[in-house]
Protein backbone atom coordinates (compact mmCIF):
# COMPACT_ATOMS: atom_id res chain seq x y z
CA MET A 1 -32.30 10.83 -26.17
CA GLN A 2 -29.89 13.81 -27.15
CA GLY A 3 -30.13 14.86 -23.41
CA ASN A 4 -28.97 11.77 -22.10
CA ILE A 5 -26.17 11.58 -24.77
CA TYR A 6 -25.03 14.84 -23.58
CA LYS A 7 -24.85 13.81 -19.92
CA THR A 8 -22.96 10.86 -20.68
CA SER A 9 -20.75 12.59 -22.57
CA LYS A 10 -20.17 15.30 -19.79
CA LYS A 11 -19.56 12.39 -17.21
CA LYS A 12 -16.93 10.70 -19.34
CA TYR A 13 -14.88 14.31 -19.83
CA SER A 14 -15.38 15.08 -15.94
CA ALA A 15 -13.86 11.39 -15.29
CA LYS A 16 -11.14 11.97 -17.55
CA LYS A 17 -9.79 15.10 -16.26
CA TRP A 18 -9.82 13.62 -12.73
CA ILE A 19 -7.91 10.55 -14.07
CA LYS A 20 -5.36 13.39 -15.26
CA ASN A 21 -5.57 14.98 -11.95
CA GLY A 22 -5.12 11.56 -10.02
CA GLN A 23 -2.12 10.78 -12.19
CA SER A 24 -0.59 13.94 -11.75
CA LYS A 25 -0.87 13.95 -7.95
CA TYR A 26 0.47 10.45 -7.84
CA LYS A 27 3.45 11.42 -9.94
CA GLN A 28 4.05 13.95 -6.78
CA ALA A 29 3.83 11.47 -4.31
CA LYS A 30 0.36 13.10 -3.13
CA TYR A 31 -1.53 9.95 -2.71
CA GLU A 32 -4.30 10.64 -0.52
CA LEU A 33 -5.06 13.48 -3.28
CA ALA A 34 -4.53 11.00 -5.64
CA VAL A 35 -6.89 8.54 -4.15
CA LYS A 36 -9.38 11.53 -4.15
CA ALA A 37 -9.13 12.26 -7.48
CA PHE A 38 -9.50 8.78 -8.99
CA ASN A 39 -12.50 8.34 -6.84
CA LYS A 40 -14.19 11.25 -8.38
CA SER A 41 -13.49 9.95 -11.59
CA VAL A 42 -15.09 6.62 -10.93
CA ALA A 43 -18.16 8.25 -9.14
CA CYS A 44 -18.50 10.22 -12.57
CA TYR A 45 -17.95 7.31 -14.95
CA PRO A 46 -17.05 4.13 -13.51
CA ASP A 47 -15.96 1.90 -16.54
CA TYR A 48 -12.42 3.98 -17.10
CA PHE A 49 -9.61 1.55 -16.56
CA GLU A 50 -7.05 4.02 -15.89
CA ALA A 51 -9.10 5.42 -12.72
CA TRP A 52 -9.23 2.06 -11.47
CA ASP A 53 -5.76 0.95 -11.99
CA GLY A 54 -4.51 4.68 -10.73
CA LEU A 55 -6.85 3.97 -7.74
CA GLY A 56 -4.96 0.95 -6.74
CA SER A 57 -1.75 1.97 -7.10
CA ALA A 58 -2.36 5.10 -5.07
CA LEU A 59 -3.88 2.89 -2.30
CA TYR A 60 -1.15 0.62 -2.46
CA CYS A 61 1.39 3.56 -1.63
CA LEU A 62 -0.82 4.31 1.37
CA GLY A 63 -0.19 0.76 2.87
CA ASN A 64 -3.99 0.05 1.92
CA TYR A 65 -3.11 -3.22 0.42
CA ASP A 66 -6.97 -4.96 0.75
CA MET A 67 -8.73 -1.84 -1.15
CA ALA A 68 -5.92 -1.70 -3.73
CA ILE A 69 -6.57 -5.26 -4.65
CA GLN A 70 -10.15 -4.36 -5.03
CA ALA A 71 -9.36 -1.47 -7.15
CA TYR A 72 -6.99 -3.71 -9.44
CA ASP A 73 -9.77 -6.14 -9.59
CA LYS A 74 -12.17 -3.76 -11.13
CA ALA A 75 -9.72 -2.69 -13.30
CA LEU A 76 -9.01 -6.07 -14.77
CA THR A 77 -13.08 -6.87 -15.20
CA ILE A 78 -12.37 -3.63 -17.77
CA LYS A 79 -9.17 -4.67 -19.26
CA PRO A 80 -8.27 -8.60 -17.99
CA ASP A 81 -5.37 -8.69 -20.28
CA ASN A 82 -3.47 -5.94 -18.61
CA TYR A 83 -0.88 -8.19 -17.41
CA THR A 84 0.99 -4.81 -15.61
CA THR A 85 -2.04 -4.83 -13.28
CA TRP A 86 -1.59 -8.30 -12.34
CA VAL A 87 1.76 -8.09 -11.62
CA ASN A 88 0.64 -4.75 -9.54
CA LYS A 89 -2.01 -6.82 -7.98
CA GLY A 90 0.30 -9.47 -7.16
CA ILE A 91 2.80 -6.87 -5.33
CA ALA A 92 0.05 -6.28 -2.81
CA LEU A 93 -0.91 -9.67 -2.24
CA TYR A 94 2.88 -10.07 -1.59
CA LYS A 95 2.74 -7.27 1.22
CA LYS A 96 -0.02 -9.06 2.77
CA GLY A 97 1.88 -12.16 2.86
CA ASN A 98 -0.24 -14.16 0.43
CA HIS A 99 3.06 -15.40 -1.39
CA GLU A 100 1.52 -18.06 -3.16
CA GLU A 101 -1.42 -16.42 -4.50
CA ALA A 102 1.03 -13.31 -5.92
CA LEU A 103 3.35 -16.16 -7.26
CA LYS A 104 0.41 -17.61 -9.23
CA LEU A 105 -0.44 -14.26 -10.74
CA TYR A 106 3.29 -13.57 -11.72
CA ASN A 107 3.20 -17.14 -13.64
CA LYS A 108 -0.10 -15.96 -15.24
CA ALA A 109 1.10 -12.93 -16.40
CA ILE A 110 4.38 -14.53 -17.60
CA GLU A 111 2.35 -17.09 -19.61
CA SER A 112 0.92 -14.62 -21.60
CA ASP A 113 3.68 -12.33 -21.92
CA PRO A 114 7.34 -14.30 -21.11
CA LYS A 115 9.04 -11.03 -21.80
CA LEU A 116 7.53 -9.27 -18.87
CA SER A 117 10.54 -8.47 -17.04
CA SER A 118 8.76 -7.08 -13.93
CA ALA A 119 7.04 -10.43 -13.44
CA TRP A 120 10.37 -12.01 -13.27
CA TYR A 121 11.69 -9.48 -11.10
CA ASN A 122 8.74 -10.04 -8.71
CA LYS A 123 8.63 -13.61 -8.79
CA GLY A 124 12.39 -13.51 -7.90
CA VAL A 125 11.17 -11.40 -4.38
CA ILE A 126 8.61 -13.98 -4.04
CA PHE A 127 11.01 -17.01 -4.17
CA ILE A 128 13.31 -14.99 -1.81
CA ALA A 129 10.48 -14.72 1.24
CA LEU A 130 9.57 -18.49 0.36
CA GLY A 131 13.62 -19.51 0.96
CA ARG A 132 13.81 -20.87 -2.64
CA ASN A 133 17.07 -18.68 -3.52
CA THR A 134 18.28 -20.94 -6.44
CA GLU A 135 14.59 -19.94 -8.29
CA ALA A 136 15.38 -16.60 -7.01
CA MET A 137 18.66 -16.09 -9.08
CA TRP A 138 16.96 -17.89 -11.90
CA ALA A 139 14.46 -15.32 -11.75
CA PHE A 140 16.44 -12.12 -11.41
CA GLU A 141 18.51 -13.20 -14.25
CA LYS A 142 15.58 -13.95 -16.78
CA ALA A 143 14.54 -10.10 -15.83
CA ILE A 144 18.28 -8.87 -16.75
CA ALA A 145 18.45 -10.95 -19.79
CA ILE A 146 14.91 -9.16 -20.90
CA SER A 147 15.64 -6.06 -19.73
CA PRO A 148 19.30 -5.20 -19.12
CA GLN A 149 18.85 -1.53 -18.51
CA ASP A 150 16.33 -2.20 -15.60
CA ASP A 151 18.07 -1.52 -12.60
CA LEU A 152 15.35 -3.13 -10.15
CA ALA A 153 16.30 -6.70 -11.43
CA TRP A 154 20.19 -6.24 -10.48
CA HIS A 155 19.29 -4.81 -7.18
CA GLY A 156 17.17 -7.99 -6.42
CA LYS A 157 19.99 -10.26 -7.81
CA GLY A 158 22.56 -8.10 -5.14
CA TYR A 159 19.90 -8.63 -2.41
CA LEU A 160 19.99 -12.35 -2.88
CA LEU A 161 23.88 -12.27 -3.24
CA ILE A 162 23.82 -10.44 0.49
CA LEU A 163 21.72 -13.28 1.98
CA LEU A 164 24.26 -15.74 0.26
CA GLU A 165 27.13 -13.98 1.78
CA ARG A 166 28.65 -12.94 -1.63
CA TYR A 167 29.35 -9.49 -0.60
CA GLU A 168 31.93 -8.25 -3.30
CA GLU A 169 29.45 -9.68 -6.33
CA ALA A 170 26.59 -7.81 -4.67
CA LEU A 171 28.73 -4.74 -4.26
CA GLN A 172 29.32 -5.11 -7.84
CA LEU A 173 25.62 -5.27 -9.02
CA PHE A 174 24.80 -2.44 -6.66
CA THR A 175 27.45 0.11 -8.26
CA LYS A 176 26.08 -1.17 -11.69
CA ALA A 177 22.86 -0.63 -10.68
CA ALA A 178 23.22 2.97 -8.83
CA GLN A 179 24.82 4.17 -12.01
CA GLY A 180 21.68 3.67 -13.96
CA ASN A 181 19.29 5.12 -11.49
CA PRO A 182 21.06 6.55 -8.24
CA ASN A 183 17.47 7.75 -6.89
CA ARG A 184 16.37 4.91 -5.31
CA GLY A 185 16.97 5.06 -1.42
CA TRP A 186 16.43 1.59 -0.53
CA ALA A 187 19.29 0.56 -3.45
CA TRP A 188 21.79 2.84 -1.52
CA ASN A 189 20.49 1.55 1.89
CA ASN A 190 21.46 -2.19 0.53
CA MET A 191 24.74 -0.86 -0.86
CA GLY A 192 25.40 0.45 2.67
CA ILE A 193 24.52 -3.18 4.06
CA THR A 194 27.08 -4.57 1.97
CA LEU A 195 29.79 -2.15 2.31
CA ASP A 196 29.53 -2.71 5.82
CA LYS A 197 29.80 -6.46 5.64
CA LEU A 198 33.03 -5.74 3.64
CA HIS A 199 34.19 -3.64 6.85
CA MET A 200 34.34 -0.51 4.56
CA TYR A 201 32.75 1.57 7.17
CA ASP A 202 33.48 4.96 5.85
CA GLU A 203 31.85 4.19 2.31
CA ALA A 204 29.05 2.33 4.30
CA ILE A 205 27.90 5.58 5.90
CA LYS A 206 28.27 7.58 2.92
CA ALA A 207 25.88 5.25 1.12
CA PHE A 208 23.28 5.34 3.99
CA ASP A 209 23.37 9.41 4.18
CA LYS A 210 22.73 8.81 0.41
CA ALA A 211 20.01 6.75 1.15
CA ILE A 212 18.69 9.30 3.97
CA ASP A 213 19.26 12.20 1.59
CA ILE A 214 16.69 10.48 -0.75
CA ASN A 215 14.02 9.49 2.12
CA PRO A 216 15.00 11.05 5.30
CA LYS A 217 11.78 9.11 6.54
CA SER A 218 13.39 5.65 6.22
CA ALA A 219 14.11 4.26 9.58
CA ARG A 220 15.67 1.14 8.11
CA ALA A 221 18.37 3.51 6.46
CA TRP A 222 19.06 5.28 9.88
CA HIS A 223 18.90 2.08 11.84
CA ASN A 224 21.78 0.87 9.44
CA LYS A 225 23.90 3.67 9.89
CA ALA A 226 23.53 3.35 13.55
CA ASN A 227 24.56 -0.25 13.29
CA THR A 228 27.96 1.17 11.14
CA LEU A 229 28.60 3.99 13.51
CA TYR A 230 28.49 1.57 16.52
CA SER A 231 31.12 -0.84 14.50
CA GLN A 232 33.55 2.33 14.28
CA GLY A 233 33.35 2.69 18.14
CA LYS A 234 31.26 5.71 17.52
CA TYR A 235 28.87 5.27 20.48
CA GLU A 236 27.13 8.43 20.99
CA GLU A 237 26.58 8.98 17.52
CA SER A 238 25.14 5.33 17.23
CA MET A 239 22.92 5.86 19.93
CA ARG A 240 21.79 9.44 18.37
CA THR A 241 21.02 7.69 15.15
CA TYR A 242 19.07 4.79 16.78
CA ASN A 243 16.83 7.39 18.34
CA LYS A 244 16.33 8.94 14.92
CA ALA A 245 15.22 5.47 13.75
CA VAL A 246 12.74 4.67 16.72
CA ALA A 247 11.16 8.05 16.44
CA LEU A 248 10.37 7.18 12.74
CA ASP A 249 8.99 3.66 13.22
CA PRO A 250 8.60 2.65 17.08
CA LEU A 251 7.95 -1.00 16.10
CA LEU A 252 11.27 -0.87 14.06
CA TYR A 253 12.75 -2.96 17.45
CA ALA A 254 9.71 -5.02 17.90
CA ASN A 255 10.97 -7.93 16.45
CA SER A 256 15.02 -6.91 16.11
CA LYS A 257 16.88 -8.73 13.78
CA ASN A 258 20.58 -7.51 12.65
């Protein structure tokens, strides 16, 4: 009996060490190493919520959405009332194109915690994908009201305003959001798109350069910068920049849209 207790405690201790290792690797964006660490934790002791939840997040970042969903499901068997995990599972479903299923999860999270701003934000994202722009605006406004310091909701609303061709309003939101969190590359990319629509080409290039500084592998930011260079009549530089976008993502222009 004593020996069994000792072995179990030792396994739990090892599992916790691997969880910490996985969390550290995840924060460093070393997602493959994070997956290995979380898997070792699960192998040692499979009943830690943090191991399965962390594994789901690391797999999601690697684009392994099916496996991420499976890991989140395991986490939710341990802590079924962790609604942040419900939201994260919904995001993975959204990436797979399962919009209605993701929406159900966000609604479930909101029913249990109406002040969960991340659920409202992601609900807005789903509504945009479904073409339900009025409901998307309402969801982003709810997220902003709950957590006005969270720049994600500002960006969500700003992106919707781009779709509605309300560019000056969108620019105000992106500027405010960038002041709150200047390290989101895709946010600078959206700001660049807005500036381009307003024919503020020099400012747009600066915004795209900022996005590229943050994430040099963003094919979309390179592509958008190339579009603006073309609008400025800088055709050779534009072509070189398009080539960089294609090198990063050869499928970028498979279903090309401006």
